[in-house]
Protein backbone atom coordinates (compact mmCIF):
# COMPACT_ATOMS: atom_id res chain seq x y z
CA MET A 1 -75.81 256.79 13.65
CA ALA A 2 -75.68 259.53 16.86
CA SER A 3 -75.67 263.15 15.48
CA TYR A 4 -73.34 265.80 16.24
CA PHE A 5 -72.24 269.43 16.55
CA GLY A 6 -69.31 271.07 15.29
CA GLU A 7 -69.68 274.27 17.22
CA ILE A 8 -71.59 275.17 20.39
CA LEU A 9 -73.38 278.68 20.67
CA GLN A 10 -73.74 279.44 24.38
CA SER A 11 -77.53 281.26 25.28
CA SER A 12 -77.24 284.09 28.26
CA SER A 13 -79.98 285.72 29.97
CA ARG A 14 -79.66 288.92 32.23
CA ALA A 15 -81.58 291.89 32.97
CA VAL A 16 -80.88 295.03 31.63
CA ASP A 17 -82.44 298.51 31.53
CA ASP A 18 -83.64 300.12 28.38
CA ASP A 19 -81.14 302.53 28.32
CA ASP A 20 -78.19 299.99 28.70
CA ASP A 21 -77.10 299.89 25.36
CA ASP A 22 -73.23 299.54 25.95
CA PHE A 23 -73.17 295.92 26.60
CA GLU A 24 -70.21 294.54 24.66
CA THR A 25 -69.99 291.19 23.81
CA GLU A 26 -66.46 289.09 25.35
CA GLU A 27 -63.80 288.34 22.73
CA ILE A 28 -63.37 284.65 22.60
CA ALA A 29 -59.58 284.07 22.33
CA THR A 30 -58.17 282.39 18.81
CA THR A 31 -55.95 280.08 18.91
CA SER A 32 -52.46 279.76 17.08
CA VAL A 33 -49.99 277.31 15.98
CA ARG A 34 -46.20 277.48 16.22
CA TRP A 35 -43.63 274.82 14.91
CA SER A 36 -40.11 274.27 15.33
CA PRO A 37 -37.55 275.64 13.51
CA MET A 38 -37.26 272.34 11.82
CA VAL A 39 -40.90 272.09 10.25
CA LYS A 40 -40.70 276.09 9.39
CA ALA A 41 -37.96 275.20 7.16
CA GLU A 42 -39.45 272.38 5.70
CA LEU A 43 -42.74 273.97 5.26
CA LEU A 44 -40.94 276.70 3.12
CA LYS A 45 -40.09 274.20 0.39
CA ILE A 46 -43.47 272.62 -0.02
CA PRO A 47 -45.55 274.73 -2.34
CA GLU A 48 -49.12 274.21 -0.80
CA LYS A 49 -47.32 275.04 2.62
CA LYS A 50 -48.84 271.62 4.13
CA LEU A 51 -46.78 268.70 5.95
CA PRO A 52 -47.69 265.67 4.31
CA CYS A 53 -49.76 263.35 6.70
CA GLN A 54 -51.17 259.98 6.53
CA ILE A 55 -52.19 259.31 10.24
CA LEU A 56 -53.05 261.53 12.57
CA ILE A 57 -54.58 261.08 16.34
CA VAL A 58 -55.60 263.56 18.47
CA ALA A 59 -55.88 262.85 22.05
CA ILE A 60 -58.46 265.26 24.10
CA GLY A 61 -58.41 265.37 27.82
CA PRO A 62 -56.59 263.89 30.87
CA ALA A 63 -57.49 260.11 29.90
CA ALA A 64 -57.13 260.15 26.46
CA SER A 65 -53.65 261.83 26.58
CA GLY A 66 -52.66 259.60 29.19
CA PHE A 67 -53.17 256.65 27.36
CA VAL A 68 -51.43 258.09 24.28
CA GLN A 69 -48.50 258.75 26.22
CA SER A 70 -48.26 255.35 27.80
CA HIS A 71 -49.41 252.92 24.72
CA LEU A 72 -48.24 255.27 21.49
CA LEU A 73 -45.80 257.83 22.31
CA THR A 74 -42.44 256.30 22.32
CA ASP A 75 -39.22 257.73 21.80
CA ASP A 76 -39.30 257.74 18.16
CA PHE A 77 -41.80 260.51 18.26
CA GLN A 78 -40.47 264.19 18.66
CA VAL A 79 -42.62 267.65 19.87
CA VAL A 80 -42.76 269.45 16.45
CA GLY A 81 -45.00 271.93 17.19
CA ALA A 82 -48.14 272.96 19.81
CA LEU A 83 -51.34 274.72 19.56
CA PHE A 84 -52.09 277.97 22.12
CA SER A 85 -55.21 279.31 22.78
CA GLY A 86 -55.11 282.97 23.97
CA LEU A 87 -51.67 283.68 23.20
CA SER A 88 -50.39 286.62 21.12
CA ASP A 89 -48.13 285.97 18.13
CA SER A 90 -45.21 288.12 20.27
CA ASP A 91 -45.48 285.39 23.48
CA VAL A 92 -42.28 283.50 23.68
CA ASN A 93 -43.00 279.69 24.45
CA THR A 94 -40.38 276.45 25.13
CA PHE A 95 -42.46 273.49 24.08
CA ASP A 96 -41.70 272.16 27.88
CA GLN A 97 -44.60 272.99 29.60
CA MET A 98 -45.68 269.49 30.57
CA SER A 99 -47.69 270.03 33.64
CA PRO A 100 -50.85 268.46 33.84
CA ALA A 101 -52.89 271.75 33.84
CA ASP A 102 -50.81 272.79 30.96
CA LYS A 103 -53.79 274.46 28.40
CA ASN A 104 -50.98 273.89 25.22
CA CYS A 105 -51.83 271.11 23.24
CA TYR A 106 -48.39 269.41 21.75
CA ILE A 107 -47.60 267.92 18.22
CA TYR A 108 -45.47 265.24 17.92
CA ARG A 109 -44.25 263.45 14.66
CA SER A 110 -42.49 259.92 14.17
CA ARG A 111 -38.67 260.30 12.85
CA GLN A 112 -38.82 257.22 11.56
CA ILE A 113 -42.20 257.95 9.46
CA PRO A 114 -42.74 261.72 9.69
CA ASP A 115 -45.90 261.27 8.02
CA VAL A 116 -47.29 259.98 11.26
CA PHE A 117 -48.70 262.72 13.65
CA MET A 118 -49.96 262.58 17.02
CA CYS A 119 -51.74 265.78 18.58
CA LEU A 120 -51.82 265.36 22.75
CA CYS A 121 -54.18 267.81 24.93
CA LYS A 122 -54.27 267.63 28.42
CA THR A 123 -56.98 269.70 29.25
CA ASP A 124 -60.13 270.18 27.28
CA VAL A 125 -60.32 272.82 24.79
CA SER A 126 -63.08 275.18 25.32
CA ALA A 127 -66.15 274.84 22.66
CA GLU A 128 -65.63 278.68 21.59
CA GLN A 129 -62.35 277.85 20.42
CA SER A 130 -62.54 274.55 19.06
CA TYR A 131 -63.46 275.99 15.39
CA SER A 132 -60.42 278.19 15.83
CA TRP A 133 -58.44 275.47 16.81
CA THR A 134 -59.25 272.97 14.35
CA GLU A 135 -58.60 275.55 11.39
CA GLN A 136 -54.93 276.40 13.24
CA LEU A 137 -54.48 271.79 13.00
CA PHE A 138 -55.00 271.92 9.89
CA SER A 139 -53.42 274.97 8.26
CA CYS A 140 -50.43 273.26 7.80
CA ILE A 141 -51.25 269.82 7.89
CA SER A 142 -52.30 268.33 4.82
CA THR A 143 -55.32 265.66 4.48
CA ALA A 144 -54.83 265.26 0.85
CA SER A 145 -53.36 261.65 0.87
CA PRO A 146 -55.56 259.00 0.04
CA HIS A 147 -54.27 256.92 2.67
CA PHE A 148 -54.97 259.78 5.57
CA TYR A 149 -56.34 258.38 8.32
CA MET A 150 -57.66 260.19 11.64
CA SER A 151 -58.25 259.15 15.00
CA ILE A 152 -60.02 261.18 17.91
CA LEU A 153 -59.98 259.91 21.41
CA CYS A 154 -61.59 261.87 24.01
CA SER A 155 -63.59 261.25 27.07
CA TYR A 156 -67.33 262.55 29.04
CA MET A 157 -68.77 261.89 32.29
CA THR A 158 -71.29 259.10 32.36
CA SER A 159 -73.87 261.61 33.43
CA GLU A 160 -73.54 262.98 29.93
CA TYR A 161 -74.94 259.51 28.65
CA ARG A 162 -78.58 258.63 27.69
CA SER A 163 -79.75 255.17 27.63
CA GLU A 164 -82.68 253.23 28.71
CA VAL A 165 -80.12 250.92 30.53
CA PRO A 166 -79.11 252.63 34.05
CA VAL A 167 -75.81 253.64 33.41
CA SER A 168 -74.68 251.67 36.60
CA ASP A 169 -75.85 248.13 34.89
CA MET A 170 -73.06 249.16 31.91
CA ASN A 171 -69.89 248.54 33.85
CA PRO A 172 -68.32 252.29 33.13
CA PRO A 173 -65.87 253.46 31.88
CA PHE A 174 -67.02 252.33 28.33
CA LEU A 175 -66.69 253.48 24.70
CA ARG A 176 -68.80 254.31 21.78
CA ALA A 177 -67.70 255.35 18.26
CA LEU A 178 -68.69 257.85 15.62
CA LYS A 179 -67.16 257.74 12.67
CA THR A 180 -67.39 259.56 8.94
CA PRO A 181 -68.78 258.37 6.04
CA ARG A 182 -65.75 257.38 4.38
CA PHE A 183 -64.13 255.64 7.05
CA ALA A 184 -64.81 251.97 5.78
CA GLY A 185 -64.02 250.17 8.77
CA THR A 186 -65.91 248.82 11.49
CA PRO A 187 -65.06 250.61 15.18
CA LEU A 188 -63.92 248.24 17.61
CA CYS A 189 -66.79 249.21 19.71
CA PRO A 190 -70.58 249.75 19.60
CA TYR A 191 -72.01 253.15 17.63
CA LEU A 192 -72.92 256.01 19.94
CA GLU A 193 -76.48 255.66 19.90
CA GLN A 194 -79.22 258.21 19.91
CA PRO A 195 -80.16 260.82 21.37
CA ASN A 196 -76.48 261.21 22.71
CA LEU A 197 -74.54 263.83 21.45
CA VAL A 198 -70.87 264.91 21.03
CA SER A 199 -69.64 268.18 21.24
CA GLY A 200 -66.87 270.66 21.67
CA LEU A 201 -63.69 269.89 19.76
CA PRO A 202 -64.22 266.41 18.82
CA ALA A 203 -67.39 267.33 17.49
CA GLN A 204 -65.57 269.85 15.57
CA LEU A 205 -63.03 267.78 14.41
CA LEU A 206 -65.08 264.82 13.36
CA THR A 207 -67.40 267.37 11.58
CA TYR A 208 -64.04 269.04 9.62
CA CYS A 209 -62.52 265.62 8.81
CA GLN A 210 -66.85 264.76 7.28
CA MET A 211 -66.53 267.86 5.46
CA LYS A 212 -62.94 267.10 3.74
CA ASP A 213 -64.36 263.62 2.63
CA VAL A 214 -61.62 262.07 4.72
CA LYS A 215 -61.30 258.73 7.05
CA ALA A 216 -62.08 259.36 10.61
CA VAL A 217 -63.45 257.90 13.62
CA LEU A 218 -63.80 259.27 17.20
CA TYR A 219 -63.87 256.99 20.32
CA VAL A 220 -65.49 258.18 23.57
CA CYS A 221 -64.75 257.04 26.93
CA TYR A 222 -67.78 257.00 29.11
CA THR A 223 -66.36 257.57 32.56
CA ASP A 224 -67.97 257.90 36.27
CA THR A 225 -65.10 259.56 38.16
CA LEU A 226 -63.85 262.96 38.18
CA TYR A 227 -60.31 261.94 39.55
CA LEU A 228 -58.08 260.23 36.60
CA ASP A 229 -56.86 256.30 37.02
CA THR A 230 -55.48 253.78 35.23
CA PHE A 231 -58.46 251.80 34.68
CA THR A 232 -60.27 255.05 32.92
CA MET A 233 -57.08 255.04 30.73
CA GLU A 234 -56.96 251.52 30.06
CA VAL A 235 -60.22 251.21 29.01
CA PHE A 236 -58.78 252.64 25.35
CA LYS A 237 -56.11 249.49 24.65
CA PRO A 238 -58.23 247.51 23.27
CA LEU A 239 -58.00 250.64 20.26
CA VAL A 240 -54.66 249.36 19.95
CA GLN A 241 -55.85 246.76 17.30
CA SER A 242 -58.03 249.30 15.44
CA THR A 243 -56.99 251.39 12.33
CA PRO A 244 -55.28 253.48 12.05
CA ILE A 245 -53.31 253.42 15.67
CA LYS A 246 -53.01 249.63 14.80
CA ASP A 247 -50.12 250.98 12.22
CA VAL A 248 -48.23 252.92 14.70
CA PHE A 249 -48.69 250.69 18.36
CA GLN A 250 -45.61 249.29 19.37
CA GLU A 251 -45.61 247.05 22.56
CA ASN A 252 -44.28 249.70 25.84
CA LYS A 253 -43.39 247.29 28.67
CA LYS A 254 -43.13 250.20 30.71
CA ALA A 255 -47.01 251.27 30.23
CA GLY A 256 -47.94 250.32 33.29
CA GLU A 257 -45.41 252.78 35.04
CA VAL A 258 -46.10 255.71 32.90
CA MET A 259 -49.72 255.31 33.43
CA LYS A 260 -49.01 255.18 37.14
CA HIS A 261 -46.51 258.41 36.92
CA ILE A 262 -48.91 260.23 35.45
CA VAL A 263 -52.13 258.91 37.92
CA ASP A 264 -49.75 260.49 40.23
CA ILE A 265 -48.93 263.58 38.76
CA TYR A 266 -52.58 264.30 38.50
CA SER A 267 -53.22 263.37 42.23
CA LEU A 268 -50.86 265.92 43.60
CA LYS A 269 -52.59 268.38 41.65
CA ASN A 270 -55.83 267.56 43.07
CA SER A 271 -55.04 267.20 46.29
CA LEU A 272 -54.06 271.14 46.07
CA TYR A 273 -57.54 271.94 45.92
CA LEU A 274 -58.76 269.64 48.70
């Protein structure tokens, strides 16, 4: 199975004088989690101060979050919290910043099945903030249930994929998977081959689950386009038959319309930089 890293340490190189001893390391902004008043009230009643959870789905990046929005995030789900990177505790938020450039990650919970959560990150979380982000997410979400399952969805460019077969012959976008030893099932796509690696937040989340000895699977979409399209989002569609996604999937007849709307929003954003 391919290996993966949970933390990324960036190296730097610059020329300095012998007398230059005033170099200060730039402080990395930490992540903070905010919960709705309803959840705060619930946490006060729970001795361990963690919300019970059996299914957690985390989507990272526009393709993965677009798939979840269009196929999984039904009206049954409501925003109950958010993860903010680089904000102080005194900052005000209203949970309504829904632009494609939004760096905040929103946490949703099912009304009918309160132990089902989804977390959407429309933009990638920096590698430096991955550890803090993961710690904050699980600071109030419990993985103690023997029925806990986690799915992590993300995407990378095919330029980062290493294979003896030319990527052009592999018909991107395509899926690859990694899982924790505790996850007994077989992923619905090939395993990520060595020497390929995943990094940043996806790797940090999977590492956390392995350390906690819980069931988790990571699905990576490799795409050759810089711009979001429906074809890239649809590559995740077979996962509606996978564990644990199949347990929360409900057919959305308007999924195509939702994806088209998402693509239009991102296209408008991208056109601003042309």
